Amino acid sequence: MIQFLIDRGVKWRPLTQYPDYSALLQAARNGKRESVRKLLELGIYDNRALAQAKDPVIRELLEDGARSKGDRVADDEELWPAICSDTQKGWLRAEQHIARGGNANYRSQTWTPLLLALRSCNVTLVRCLLSHGADPKIYPIQFIVSPYDELIGGGPKEDNGKANVRDEDVAECARLLLQAHAGLPWDELVMIAAWNDWAKTVAVFLDAGVPRDAVLKDFERYAIPSLRDKKRAQVLRLIQQ
């Protein structure tokens, strides 16, 4: 059908009103291998298509297409998760990747480099990415997510996987996000930070303008009725500091 249309003079052009519905993006999303192959043969390329594709054959086709164009999108998709999981030298590997043309604002299905760095609370890597133009308001393809949610995340539980994260590191990441104009976090996230005993982080958010009364209301709404008096007093003290 694609060849049929071309043979009859149909011209391919981007849809400026609906940029996410190009032929290649649609074919990649829907697993249409031969359509992707045909479009690439015709020189119709979109560097957003790789992140949309789940079919391994289509991903390989798009990776080859990206490399033929000199596009580093295939490297971004492959390398950023490994870079951001390196707690020791991730920032250095990020610097090297960006110097070779890597995209600090790459959007995959469920992550961006900045979100990956925030999930592990890697202060040095977060600072590195922001210094290279990482935008906290750029989201993954599948959903919109607050960078603070990735940083604090997990809900008000002591077993949320962040129990061993240092308050100083969370607070510094929060400062960096505020400086990068990420806006204020949700009130509930500040309550979660208090629950996790991150006093410095709570202070950063409250000083930045998160309404203390709203945080207290969230605490009263979500606090477990049987919560130990000692823990309740501790959380309230952090919010009211």
C-alpha atoms as a PDB file:
ATOM      1  CA  MET A   1       0.000   0.000   0.000  1.00  0.00           C
ATOM      2  CA  ILE A   2       2.864   2.391   0.772  1.00  0.00           C
ATOM      3  CA  GLN A   3       4.437   1.686  -2.622  1.00  0.00           C
ATOM      4  CA  PHE A   4       1.011   1.965  -4.282  1.00  0.00           C
ATOM      5  CA  LEU A   5       0.541   5.452  -2.865  1.00  0.00           C
ATOM      6  CA  ILE A   6       4.029   6.561  -3.857  1.00  0.00           C
ATOM      7  CA  ASP A   7       3.592   5.253  -7.399  1.00  0.00           C
ATOM      8  CA  ARG A   8       0.533   7.494  -7.683  1.00  0.00           C
ATOM      9  CA  GLY A   9       2.339  10.613  -6.562  1.00  0.00           C
ATOM     10  CA  VAL A  10       1.396  10.819  -2.893  1.00  0.00           C
ATOM     11  CA  LYS A  11       3.952  13.026  -1.100  1.00  0.00           C
ATOM     12  CA  TRP A  12       5.044  12.245   2.430  1.00  0.00           C
ATOM     13  CA  ARG A  13       5.080  15.200   4.771  1.00  0.00           C
ATOM     14  CA  PRO A  14       5.089  15.576   8.552  1.00  0.00           C
ATOM     15  CA  LEU A  15       1.785  16.348  10.232  1.00  0.00           C
ATOM     16  CA  THR A  16       2.591  19.531  12.072  1.00  0.00           C
ATOM     17  CA  GLN A  17      -0.692  19.426  13.977  1.00  0.00           C
ATOM     18  CA  TYR A  18      -0.181  15.800  15.068  1.00  0.00           C
ATOM     19  CA  PRO A  19       3.598  15.187  15.156  1.00  0.00           C
ATOM     20  CA  ASP A  20       3.243  11.954  17.142  1.00  0.00           C
ATOM     21  CA  TYR A  21       1.243  10.272  14.361  1.00  0.00           C
ATOM     22  CA  SER A  22       3.772  10.022  11.552  1.00  0.00           C
ATOM     23  CA  ALA A  23       3.790   6.895   9.399  1.00  0.00           C
ATOM     24  CA  LEU A  24       7.053   5.557  10.872  1.00  0.00           C
ATOM     25  CA  LEU A  25       5.993   6.150  14.474  1.00  0.00           C
ATOM     26  CA  GLN A  26       2.686   4.416  13.896  1.00  0.00           C
ATOM     27  CA  ALA A  27       4.314   1.458  12.151  1.00  0.00           C
ATOM     28  CA  ALA A  28       6.896   1.097  14.942  1.00  0.00           C
ATOM     29  CA  ARG A  29       4.262   1.299  17.681  1.00  0.00           C
ATOM     30  CA  ASN A  30       2.040  -1.285  16.017  1.00  0.00           C
ATOM     31  CA  GLY A  31       4.745  -3.830  15.217  1.00  0.00           C
ATOM     32  CA  LYS A  32       4.481  -3.518  11.410  1.00  0.00           C
ATOM     33  CA  ARG A  33       7.867  -4.875  10.368  1.00  0.00           C
ATOM     34  CA  GLU A  34       7.545  -4.625   6.590  1.00  0.00           C
ATOM     35  CA  SER A  35       6.042  -1.151   6.780  1.00  0.00           C
ATOM     36  CA  VAL A  36       8.966   0.020   8.921  1.00  0.00           C
ATOM     37  CA  ARG A  37      11.403  -1.593   6.490  1.00  0.00           C
ATOM     38  CA  LYS A  38       9.714   0.066   3.513  1.00  0.00           C
ATOM     39  CA  LEU A  39       9.575   3.509   5.096  1.00  0.00           C
ATOM     40  CA  LEU A  40      13.254   3.362   6.018  1.00  0.00           C
ATOM     41  CA  GLU A  41      14.113   2.313   2.459  1.00  0.00           C
ATOM     42  CA  LEU A  42      12.252   5.421   1.289  1.00  0.00           C
ATOM     43  CA  GLY A  43      14.380   7.594   3.575  1.00  0.00           C
ATOM     44  CA  ILE A  44      11.531   8.337   5.972  1.00  0.00           C
ATOM     45  CA  TYR A  45      13.248   8.435   9.354  1.00  0.00           C
ATOM     46  CA  ASP A  46      12.242   9.691  12.798  1.00  0.00           C
ATOM     47  CA  ASN A  47      14.635   9.371  15.728  1.00  0.00           C
ATOM     48  CA  ARG A  48      11.692   9.000  18.132  1.00  0.00           C
ATOM     49  CA  ALA A  49      10.633   5.697  16.596  1.00  0.00           C
ATOM     50  CA  LEU A  50      13.172   3.471  18.367  1.00  0.00           C
ATOM     51  CA  ALA A  51      11.788   4.246  21.811  1.00  0.00           C
ATOM     52  CA  GLN A  52       8.291   3.450  20.527  1.00  0.00           C
ATOM     53  CA  ALA A  53       9.210   0.009  19.193  1.00  0.00           C
ATOM     54  CA  LYS A  54       8.905  -3.202  21.210  1.00  0.00           C
ATOM     55  CA  ASP A  55       9.332  -5.737  18.413  1.00  0.00           C
ATOM     56  CA  PRO A  56      13.021  -6.850  18.333  1.00  0.00           C
ATOM     57  CA  VAL A  57      13.191  -6.977  14.526  1.00  0.00           C
ATOM     58  CA  ILE A  58      11.805  -3.456  14.257  1.00  0.00           C
ATOM     59  CA  ARG A  59      14.222  -2.228  16.905  1.00  0.00           C
ATOM     60  CA  GLU A  60      17.114  -3.688  14.920  1.00  0.00           C
ATOM     61  CA  LEU A  61      15.871  -2.040  11.733  1.00  0.00           C
ATOM     62  CA  LEU A  62      15.550   1.304  13.475  1.00  0.00           C
ATOM     63  CA  GLU A  63      18.960   0.994  15.116  1.00  0.00           C
ATOM     64  CA  ASP A  64      20.534   0.352  11.721  1.00  0.00           C
ATOM     65  CA  GLY A  65      18.581   3.290  10.316  1.00  0.00           C
ATOM     66  CA  ALA A  66      19.777   5.551  13.116  1.00  0.00           C
ATOM     67  CA  ARG A  67      23.410   4.589  12.644  1.00  0.00           C
ATOM     68  CA  SER A  68      23.177   5.140   8.894  1.00  0.00           C
ATOM     69  CA  LYS A  69      22.002   8.668   9.645  1.00  0.00           C
ATOM     70  CA  GLY A  70      24.765   9.244  12.200  1.00  0.00           C
ATOM     71  CA  ASP A  71      22.092   9.491  14.894  1.00  0.00           C
ATOM     72  CA  ARG A  72      23.094   8.436  18.421  1.00  0.00           C
ATOM     73  CA  VAL A  73      19.547   7.496  19.444  1.00  0.00           C
ATOM     74  CA  ALA A  74      20.379   3.764  19.462  1.00  0.00           C
ATOM     75  CA  ASP A  75      23.288   4.435  21.784  1.00  0.00           C
ATOM     76  CA  ASP A  76      21.063   6.565  24.047  1.00  0.00           C
ATOM     77  CA  GLU A  77      18.503   3.776  24.366  1.00  0.00           C
ATOM     78  CA  GLU A  78      21.185   1.189  25.092  1.00  0.00           C
ATOM     79  CA  LEU A  79      23.723   3.103  27.173  1.00  0.00           C
ATOM     80  CA  TRP A  80      21.821   5.454  29.490  1.00  0.00           C
ATOM     81  CA  PRO A  81      20.431   2.718  31.795  1.00  0.00           C
ATOM     82  CA  ALA A  82      23.937   1.279  32.287  1.00  0.00           C
ATOM     83  CA  ILE A  83      25.455   4.726  32.788  1.00  0.00           C
ATOM     84  CA  CYS A  84      22.851   5.716  35.355  1.00  0.00           C
ATOM     85  CA  SER A  85      23.210   2.475  37.295  1.00  0.00           C
ATOM     86  CA  ASP A  86      26.929   3.128  37.792  1.00  0.00           C
ATOM     87  CA  THR A  87      26.969   4.802  41.193  1.00  0.00           C
ATOM     88  CA  GLN A  88      30.709   5.438  41.134  1.00  0.00           C
ATOM     89  CA  LYS A  89      31.597   6.608  37.618  1.00  0.00           C
ATOM     90  CA  GLY A  90      28.172   7.263  36.127  1.00  0.00           C
ATOM     91  CA  TRP A  91      28.752  11.002  35.956  1.00  0.00           C
ATOM     92  CA  LEU A  92      32.046  10.523  34.091  1.00  0.00           C
ATOM     93  CA  ARG A  93      30.482   8.076  31.637  1.00  0.00           C
ATOM     94  CA  ALA A  94      27.607  10.544  31.149  1.00  0.00           C
ATOM     95  CA  GLU A  95      30.085  13.334  30.348  1.00  0.00           C
ATOM     96  CA  GLN A  96      31.820  11.097  27.794  1.00  0.00           C
ATOM     97  CA  HIS A  97      28.550   9.954  26.217  1.00  0.00           C
ATOM     98  CA  ILE A  98      27.226  13.508  25.893  1.00  0.00           C
ATOM     99  CA  ALA A  99      30.573  14.636  24.410  1.00  0.00           C
ATOM    100  CA  ARG A 100      30.116  11.975  21.710  1.00  0.00           C
ATOM    101  CA  GLY A 101      26.641  13.264  20.891  1.00  0.00           C
ATOM    102  CA  GLY A 102      24.479  11.575  23.531  1.00  0.00           C
ATOM    103  CA  ASN A 103      21.186  13.242  24.388  1.00  0.00           C
ATOM    104  CA  ALA A 104      20.743  14.249  28.039  1.00  0.00           C
ATOM    105  CA  ASN A 105      17.000  14.622  27.349  1.00  0.00           C
ATOM    106  CA  TYR A 106      16.462  11.268  25.659  1.00  0.00           C
ATOM    107  CA  ARG A 107      12.900   9.942  26.125  1.00  0.00           C
ATOM    108  CA  SER A 108      12.469   6.188  26.402  1.00  0.00           C
ATOM    109  CA  GLN A 109       9.206   4.390  27.108  1.00  0.00           C
ATOM    110  CA  THR A 110       9.492   4.633  30.903  1.00  0.00           C
ATOM    111  CA  TRP A 111      12.559   6.751  31.674  1.00  0.00           C
ATOM    112  CA  THR A 112      14.757   9.704  30.895  1.00  0.00           C
ATOM    113  CA  PRO A 113      18.409   9.874  32.028  1.00  0.00           C
ATOM    114  CA  LEU A 114      17.505  12.418  34.715  1.00  0.00           C
ATOM    115  CA  LEU A 115      14.731  10.226  36.115  1.00  0.00           C
ATOM    116  CA  LEU A 116      17.101   7.250  36.266  1.00  0.00           C
ATOM    117  CA  ALA A 117      19.644   9.339  38.156  1.00  0.00           C
ATOM    118  CA  LEU A 118      16.980  10.581  40.577  1.00  0.00           C
ATOM    119  CA  ARG A 119      15.712   7.051  41.262  1.00  0.00           C
ATOM    120  CA  SER A 120      19.124   6.124  42.636  1.00  0.00           C
ATOM    121  CA  CYS A 121      19.598   9.555  44.233  1.00  0.00           C
ATOM    122  CA  ASN A 122      22.963   9.937  42.487  1.00  0.00           C
ATOM    123  CA  VAL A 123      23.746  13.558  43.317  1.00  0.00           C
ATOM    124  CA  THR A 124      26.852  13.831  41.143  1.00  0.00           C
ATOM    125  CA  LEU A 125      25.068  12.395  38.117  1.00  0.00           C
ATOM    126  CA  VAL A 126      21.971  14.569  38.658  1.00  0.00           C
ATOM    127  CA  ARG A 127      24.202  17.658  38.831  1.00  0.00           C
ATOM    128  CA  CYS A 128      26.070  16.549  35.691  1.00  0.00           C
ATOM    129  CA  LEU A 129      22.895  15.986  33.669  1.00  0.00           C
ATOM    130  CA  LEU A 130      21.332  19.287  34.715  1.00  0.00           C
ATOM    131  CA  SER A 131      24.546  21.117  33.814  1.00  0.00           C
ATOM    132  CA  HIS A 132      24.225  19.646  30.320  1.00  0.00           C
ATOM    133  CA  GLY A 133      20.668  20.863  29.868  1.00  0.00           C
ATOM    134  CA  ALA A 134      18.600  17.958  31.189  1.00  0.00           C
ATOM    135  CA  ASP A 135      15.062  19.299  31.574  1.00  0.00           C
ATOM    136  CA  PRO A 136      13.070  18.034  34.594  1.00  0.00           C
ATOM    137  CA  LYS A 137       9.863  18.749  32.678  1.00  0.00           C
ATOM    138  CA  ILE A 138      10.660  16.275  29.880  1.00  0.00           C
ATOM    139  CA  TYR A 139       8.816  13.020  30.534  1.00  0.00           C
ATOM    140  CA  PRO A 140       9.013   9.416  29.303  1.00  0.00           C
ATOM    141  CA  ILE A 141       6.810   8.446  26.379  1.00  0.00           C
ATOM    142  CA  GLN A 142       4.334   6.353  28.365  1.00  0.00           C
ATOM    143  CA  PHE A 143       3.450   8.762  31.161  1.00  0.00           C
ATOM    144  CA  ILE A 144       4.000  12.105  32.839  1.00  0.00           C
ATOM    145  CA  VAL A 145       5.915  11.751  36.091  1.00  0.00           C
ATOM    146  CA  SER A 146       7.183  14.297  38.586  1.00  0.00           C
ATOM    147  CA  PRO A 147      10.976  14.220  39.080  1.00  0.00           C
ATOM    148  CA  TYR A 148      10.292  14.595  42.802  1.00  0.00           C
ATOM    149  CA  ASP A 149       8.210  11.423  42.698  1.00  0.00           C
ATOM    150  CA  GLU A 150      11.248   9.555  41.336  1.00  0.00           C
ATOM    151  CA  LEU A 151      13.439  11.123  44.030  1.00  0.00           C
ATOM    152  CA  ILE A 152      11.145  10.622  47.034  1.00  0.00           C
ATOM    153  CA  GLY A 153       8.779   7.916  45.678  1.00  0.00           C
ATOM    154  CA  GLY A 154       7.600   4.668  47.151  1.00  0.00           C
ATOM    155  CA  GLY A 155       4.915   5.981  49.472  1.00  0.00           C
ATOM    156  CA  PRO A 156       5.066   6.583  53.235  1.00  0.00           C
ATOM    157  CA  LYS A 157       6.726   3.323  54.185  1.00  0.00           C
ATOM    158  CA  GLU A 158       9.963   2.543  55.911  1.00  0.00           C
ATOM    159  CA  ASP A 159      10.523  -0.390  53.515  1.00  0.00           C
ATOM    160  CA  ASN A 160      10.180   1.622  50.321  1.00  0.00           C
ATOM    161  CA  GLY A 161      13.683   0.854  49.111  1.00  0.00           C
ATOM    162  CA  LYS A 162      14.944   4.325  49.985  1.00  0.00           C
ATOM    163  CA  ALA A 163      15.545   3.643  53.679  1.00  0.00           C
ATOM    164  CA  ASN A 164      19.325   3.727  53.281  1.00  0.00           C
ATOM    165  CA  VAL A 165      19.422   6.879  51.157  1.00  0.00           C
ATOM    166  CA  ARG A 166      21.115   9.753  52.949  1.00  0.00           C
ATOM    167  CA  ASP A 167      18.956  12.741  53.783  1.00  0.00           C
ATOM    168  CA  GLU A 168      21.794  15.020  52.650  1.00  0.00           C
ATOM    169  CA  ASP A 169      21.735  13.483  49.169  1.00  0.00           C
ATOM    170  CA  VAL A 170      17.968  13.732  48.776  1.00  0.00           C
ATOM    171  CA  ALA A 171      18.044  17.346  49.980  1.00  0.00           C
ATOM    172  CA  GLU A 172      20.801  18.247  47.526  1.00  0.00           C
ATOM    173  CA  CYS A 173      18.936  16.633  44.615  1.00  0.00           C
ATOM    174  CA  ALA A 174      15.838  18.573  45.678  1.00  0.00           C
ATOM    175  CA  ARG A 175      17.829  21.834  45.643  1.00  0.00           C
ATOM    176  CA  LEU A 176      19.179  21.043  42.185  1.00  0.00           C
ATOM    177  CA  LEU A 177      15.675  20.388  40.851  1.00  0.00           C
ATOM    178  CA  LEU A 178      14.373  23.615  42.335  1.00  0.00           C
ATOM    179  CA  GLN A 179      17.259  25.534  40.748  1.00  0.00           C
ATOM    180  CA  ALA A 180      16.416  23.863  37.416  1.00  0.00           C
ATOM    181  CA  HIS A 181      12.866  25.272  37.639  1.00  0.00           C
ATOM    182  CA  ALA A 182      11.196  21.915  38.222  1.00  0.00           C
ATOM    183  CA  GLY A 183       8.534  23.660  40.333  1.00  0.00           C
ATOM    184  CA  LEU A 184       7.398  22.541  43.777  1.00  0.00           C
ATOM    185  CA  PRO A 185       6.680  18.919  44.695  1.00  0.00           C
ATOM    186  CA  TRP A 186       3.274  17.641  45.693  1.00  0.00           C
ATOM    187  CA  ASP A 187       2.405  18.133  49.360  1.00  0.00           C
ATOM    188  CA  GLU A 188       2.173  14.369  49.792  1.00  0.00           C
ATOM    189  CA  LEU A 189       5.806  13.899  48.758  1.00  0.00           C
ATOM    190  CA  VAL A 190       6.963  16.283  51.459  1.00  0.00           C
ATOM    191  CA  MET A 191       4.940  14.260  53.952  1.00  0.00           C
ATOM    192  CA  ILE A 192       6.647  11.088  52.690  1.00  0.00           C
ATOM    193  CA  ALA A 193      10.055  12.736  53.150  1.00  0.00           C
ATOM    194  CA  ALA A 194       9.102  13.515  56.763  1.00  0.00           C
ATOM    195  CA  TRP A 195       7.932   9.931  57.208  1.00  0.00           C
ATOM    196  CA  ASN A 196      11.357   8.744  56.027  1.00  0.00           C
ATOM    197  CA  ASP A 197      12.989  11.043  58.595  1.00  0.00           C
ATOM    198  CA  TRP A 198      14.609  13.244  55.943  1.00  0.00           C
ATOM    199  CA  ALA A 199      14.640  16.441  57.976  1.00  0.00           C
ATOM    200  CA  LYS A 200      16.923  18.409  55.643  1.00  0.00           C
ATOM    201  CA  THR A 201      14.835  17.470  52.624  1.00  0.00           C
ATOM    202  CA  VAL A 202      11.638  18.588  54.352  1.00  0.00           C
ATOM    203  CA  ALA A 203      13.302  21.897  55.252  1.00  0.00           C
ATOM    204  CA  VAL A 204      14.366  22.454  51.622  1.00  0.00           C
ATOM    205  CA  PHE A 205      10.812  21.961  50.374  1.00  0.00           C
ATOM    206  CA  LEU A 206       9.168  24.064  53.060  1.00  0.00           C
ATOM    207  CA  ASP A 207      11.704  26.875  52.564  1.00  0.00           C
ATOM    208  CA  ALA A 208      10.968  26.743  48.825  1.00  0.00           C
ATOM    209  CA  GLY A 209       7.297  27.454  49.471  1.00  0.00           C
ATOM    210  CA  VAL A 210       5.431  24.168  49.884  1.00  0.00           C
ATOM    211  CA  PRO A 211       2.500  25.069  52.215  1.00  0.00           C
ATOM    212  CA  ARG A 212       3.072  23.540  55.641  1.00  0.00           C
ATOM    213  CA  ASP A 213      -0.681  23.324  56.351  1.00  0.00           C
ATOM    214  CA  ALA A 214      -1.256  21.260  53.220  1.00  0.00           C
ATOM    215  CA  VAL A 215       1.497  18.838  54.234  1.00  0.00           C
ATOM    216  CA  LEU A 216      -0.061  18.469  57.696  1.00  0.00           C
ATOM    217  CA  LYS A 217      -3.448  17.739  56.126  1.00  0.00           C
ATOM    218  CA  ASP A 218      -1.878  15.038  53.965  1.00  0.00           C
ATOM    219  CA  PHE A 219      -0.269  13.518  57.022  1.00  0.00           C
ATOM    220  CA  GLU A 220      -3.561  13.406  58.889  1.00  0.00           C
ATOM    221  CA  ARG A 221      -5.283  11.931  55.825  1.00  0.00           C
ATOM    222  CA  TYR A 222      -2.772   9.151  55.189  1.00  0.00           C
ATOM    223  CA  ALA A 223      -1.367   8.412  58.644  1.00  0.00           C
ATOM    224  CA  ILE A 224      -2.191   4.932  59.878  1.00  0.00           C
ATOM    225  CA  PRO A 225      -4.497   5.135  62.923  1.00  0.00           C
ATOM    226  CA  SER A 226      -2.392   2.623  64.828  1.00  0.00           C
ATOM    227  CA  LEU A 227       0.844   4.503  64.104  1.00  0.00           C
ATOM    228  CA  ARG A 228       3.107   4.511  67.120  1.00  0.00           C
ATOM    229  CA  ASP A 229       2.840   7.713  69.109  1.00  0.00           C
ATOM    230  CA  LYS A 230       6.613   8.129  68.937  1.00  0.00           C
ATOM    231  CA  LYS A 231       6.678   7.902  65.134  1.00  0.00           C
ATOM    232  CA  ARG A 232       3.674  10.213  64.795  1.00  0.00           C
ATOM    233  CA  ALA A 233       5.359  12.808  66.995  1.00  0.00           C
ATOM    234  CA  GLN A 234       8.570  12.471  65.011  1.00  0.00           C
ATOM    235  CA  VAL A 235       6.854  13.096  61.679  1.00  0.00           C
ATOM    236  CA  LEU A 236       4.884  16.040  63.014  1.00  0.00           C
ATOM    237  CA  ARG A 237       8.039  17.545  64.445  1.00  0.00           C
ATOM    238  CA  LEU A 238       9.747  17.447  61.058  1.00  0.00           C
ATOM    239  CA  ILE A 239       6.776  19.017  59.289  1.00  0.00           C
ATOM    240  CA  GLN A 240       6.364  21.710  61.917  1.00  0.00           C
ATOM    241  CA  GLN A 241      10.089  22.518  62.252  1.00  0.00           C
END
